[in-house]
């Protein structure tokens, strides 16, 4: 058996999922606030072995919220995921909600 692969795993394949320790609330776009727009952006983040975000992909959501959701997701931090006792890179899917209060 060789060294553990550095290939990222999906959160459904891992023993211990990365746990969010810092979630940044995105800035509500002024245009969206004026038009009373709300929505949810689904982001896919690659969490590295240290718990940092290595990559962000927008899966879907209203266009008006996508850029600020991506900016916020880059600032997330996690307790790293583990598989078979070793820290692993893991793809996580996370919703970012935009709701007017």
C-alpha atoms as a PDB file:
ATOM      1  CA  UNK A   1       0.000   0.000   0.000  1.00  0.00           C
ATOM      2  CA  UNK A   2       1.466   3.325  -1.080  1.00  0.00           C
ATOM      3  CA  UNK A   3       0.986   6.798   0.346  1.00  0.00           C
ATOM      4  CA  UNK A   4      -2.528   8.148   0.767  1.00  0.00           C
ATOM      5  CA  UNK A   5      -3.771   9.866  -2.356  1.00  0.00           C
ATOM      6  CA  UNK A   6      -3.953  13.649  -2.370  1.00  0.00           C
ATOM      7  CA  UNK A   7      -7.057  13.456  -4.559  1.00  0.00           C
ATOM      8  CA  UNK A   8     -10.002  15.258  -2.959  1.00  0.00           C
ATOM      9  CA  UNK A   9     -12.870  13.192  -1.613  1.00  0.00           C
ATOM     10  CA  UNK A  10     -16.548  14.089  -1.643  1.00  0.00           C
ATOM     11  CA  UNK A  11     -18.060  14.756   1.781  1.00  0.00           C
ATOM     12  CA  UNK A  12     -20.255  11.663   1.300  1.00  0.00           C
ATOM     13  CA  UNK A  13     -17.143   9.439   1.075  1.00  0.00           C
ATOM     14  CA  UNK A  14     -15.334  10.580   4.204  1.00  0.00           C
ATOM     15  CA  UNK A  15     -15.334   9.351   7.815  1.00  0.00           C
ATOM     16  CA  UNK A  16     -15.291  12.843   9.390  1.00  0.00           C
ATOM     17  CA  UNK A  17     -16.565  15.756   7.341  1.00  0.00           C
ATOM     18  CA  UNK A  18     -14.869  19.141   7.604  1.00  0.00           C
ATOM     19  CA  UNK A  19     -16.643  21.183  10.264  1.00  0.00           C
ATOM     20  CA  UNK A  20     -17.151  24.920   9.683  1.00  0.00           C
ATOM     21  CA  UNK A  21     -15.377  27.039  12.301  1.00  0.00           C
ATOM     22  CA  UNK A  22     -15.707  30.386  10.500  1.00  0.00           C
ATOM     23  CA  UNK A  23     -18.560  31.262   8.173  1.00  0.00           C
ATOM     24  CA  UNK A  24     -18.531  34.761   6.699  1.00  0.00           C
ATOM     25  CA  UNK A  25     -21.866  36.438   6.015  1.00  0.00           C
ATOM     26  CA  UNK A  26     -21.758  37.985   2.547  1.00  0.00           C
ATOM     27  CA  UNK A  27     -22.534  41.626   1.910  1.00  0.00           C
ATOM     28  CA  UNK A  28     -26.126  41.940   0.678  1.00  0.00           C
ATOM     29  CA  UNK A  29     -25.920  43.528  -2.791  1.00  0.00           C
ATOM     30  CA  UNK A  30     -27.488  47.014  -2.764  1.00  0.00           C
ATOM     31  CA  UNK A  31     -29.337  46.315  -6.015  1.00  0.00           C
ATOM     32  CA  UNK A  32     -30.836  43.129  -4.545  1.00  0.00           C
ATOM     33  CA  UNK A  33     -31.875  45.000  -1.394  1.00  0.00           C
ATOM     34  CA  UNK A  34     -33.554  47.751  -3.454  1.00  0.00           C
ATOM     35  CA  UNK A  35     -35.462  45.202  -5.527  1.00  0.00           C
ATOM     36  CA  UNK A  36     -36.278  43.152  -2.382  1.00  0.00           C
ATOM     37  CA  UNK A  37     -34.626  40.084  -3.985  1.00  0.00           C
ATOM     38  CA  UNK A  38     -33.910  37.007  -1.866  1.00  0.00           C
ATOM     39  CA  UNK A  39     -32.382  33.667  -2.744  1.00  0.00           C
ATOM     40  CA  UNK A  40     -29.926  30.886  -2.063  1.00  0.00           C
ATOM     41  CA  UNK A  41     -26.584  30.255  -3.738  1.00  0.00           C
ATOM     42  CA  UNK A  42     -25.170  26.733  -3.540  1.00  0.00           C
ATOM     43  CA  UNK A  43     -21.382  26.725  -3.440  1.00  0.00           C
ATOM     44  CA  UNK A  44     -18.966  23.835  -3.666  1.00  0.00           C
ATOM     45  CA  UNK A  45     -15.773  24.430  -1.698  1.00  0.00           C
ATOM     46  CA  UNK A  46     -12.613  22.354  -1.660  1.00  0.00           C
ATOM     47  CA  UNK A  47     -11.363  22.242   1.932  1.00  0.00           C
ATOM     48  CA  UNK A  48      -7.648  21.476   2.189  1.00  0.00           C
ATOM     49  CA  UNK A  49      -5.889  19.407   4.853  1.00  0.00           C
ATOM     50  CA  UNK A  50      -5.461  22.496   7.059  1.00  0.00           C
ATOM     51  CA  UNK A  51      -9.115  23.562   6.852  1.00  0.00           C
ATOM     52  CA  UNK A  52      -8.612  26.384   4.367  1.00  0.00           C
ATOM     53  CA  UNK A  53     -10.683  26.849   1.229  1.00  0.00           C
ATOM     54  CA  UNK A  54      -8.604  25.882  -1.807  1.00  0.00           C
ATOM     55  CA  UNK A  55     -11.246  26.278  -4.501  1.00  0.00           C
ATOM     56  CA  UNK A  56     -14.786  27.678  -4.810  1.00  0.00           C
ATOM     57  CA  UNK A  57     -17.352  26.751  -7.461  1.00  0.00           C
ATOM     58  CA  UNK A  58     -20.835  28.210  -7.792  1.00  0.00           C
ATOM     59  CA  UNK A  59     -23.305  25.375  -8.439  1.00  0.00           C
ATOM     60  CA  UNK A  60     -26.475  27.443  -8.817  1.00  0.00           C
ATOM     61  CA  UNK A  61     -28.358  30.421  -7.483  1.00  0.00           C
ATOM     62  CA  UNK A  62     -29.538  33.870  -8.536  1.00  0.00           C
ATOM     63  CA  UNK A  63     -26.922  35.703 -10.595  1.00  0.00           C
ATOM     64  CA  UNK A  64     -27.235  38.845  -8.446  1.00  0.00           C
ATOM     65  CA  UNK A  65     -25.874  36.973  -5.394  1.00  0.00           C
ATOM     66  CA  UNK A  66     -23.190  34.787  -6.975  1.00  0.00           C
ATOM     67  CA  UNK A  67     -20.140  37.077  -6.760  1.00  0.00           C
ATOM     68  CA  UNK A  68     -20.672  38.054  -3.107  1.00  0.00           C
ATOM     69  CA  UNK A  69     -21.378  34.404  -2.209  1.00  0.00           C
ATOM     70  CA  UNK A  70     -18.096  33.366  -3.828  1.00  0.00           C
ATOM     71  CA  UNK A  71     -16.183  36.130  -2.032  1.00  0.00           C
ATOM     72  CA  UNK A  72     -17.630  35.029   1.317  1.00  0.00           C
ATOM     73  CA  UNK A  73     -16.946  31.322   0.653  1.00  0.00           C
ATOM     74  CA  UNK A  74     -13.229  32.024   0.078  1.00  0.00           C
ATOM     75  CA  UNK A  75     -13.094  33.296   3.689  1.00  0.00           C
ATOM     76  CA  UNK A  76     -14.656  30.191   5.284  1.00  0.00           C
ATOM     77  CA  UNK A  77     -12.471  28.064   7.567  1.00  0.00           C
ATOM     78  CA  UNK A  78     -13.040  24.472   8.658  1.00  0.00           C
ATOM     79  CA  UNK A  79     -11.786  21.851  11.057  1.00  0.00           C
ATOM     80  CA  UNK A  80     -10.256  19.509   8.444  1.00  0.00           C
ATOM     81  CA  UNK A  81     -11.950  16.333   7.293  1.00  0.00           C
ATOM     82  CA  UNK A  82     -10.458  12.937   8.044  1.00  0.00           C
ATOM     83  CA  UNK A  83     -10.671   9.603   6.315  1.00  0.00           C
ATOM     84  CA  UNK A  84      -9.094   6.430   7.692  1.00  0.00           C
ATOM     85  CA  UNK A  85      -7.344   8.521  10.357  1.00  0.00           C
ATOM     86  CA  UNK A  86      -5.665  10.916   7.919  1.00  0.00           C
ATOM     87  CA  UNK A  87      -6.541  14.511   7.055  1.00  0.00           C
ATOM     88  CA  UNK A  88      -7.869  14.712   3.517  1.00  0.00           C
ATOM     89  CA  UNK A  89      -8.960  17.337   1.024  1.00  0.00           C
ATOM     90  CA  UNK A  90     -12.744  17.290   0.845  1.00  0.00           C
ATOM     91  CA  UNK A  91     -15.356  18.845  -1.433  1.00  0.00           C
ATOM     92  CA  UNK A  92     -18.203  20.350   0.612  1.00  0.00           C
ATOM     93  CA  UNK A  93     -21.493  21.735  -0.694  1.00  0.00           C
ATOM     94  CA  UNK A  94     -22.864  24.645   1.283  1.00  0.00           C
ATOM     95  CA  UNK A  95     -25.902  26.889   0.886  1.00  0.00           C
ATOM     96  CA  UNK A  96     -25.502  30.638   1.329  1.00  0.00           C
ATOM     97  CA  UNK A  97     -28.844  32.258   2.084  1.00  0.00           C
ATOM     98  CA  UNK A  98     -29.810  35.800   1.187  1.00  0.00           C
ATOM     99  CA  UNK A  99     -32.877  36.820   3.167  1.00  0.00           C
ATOM    100  CA  UNK A 100     -34.115  40.310   3.941  1.00  0.00           C
ATOM    101  CA  UNK A 101     -34.914  40.779   7.593  1.00  0.00           C
END
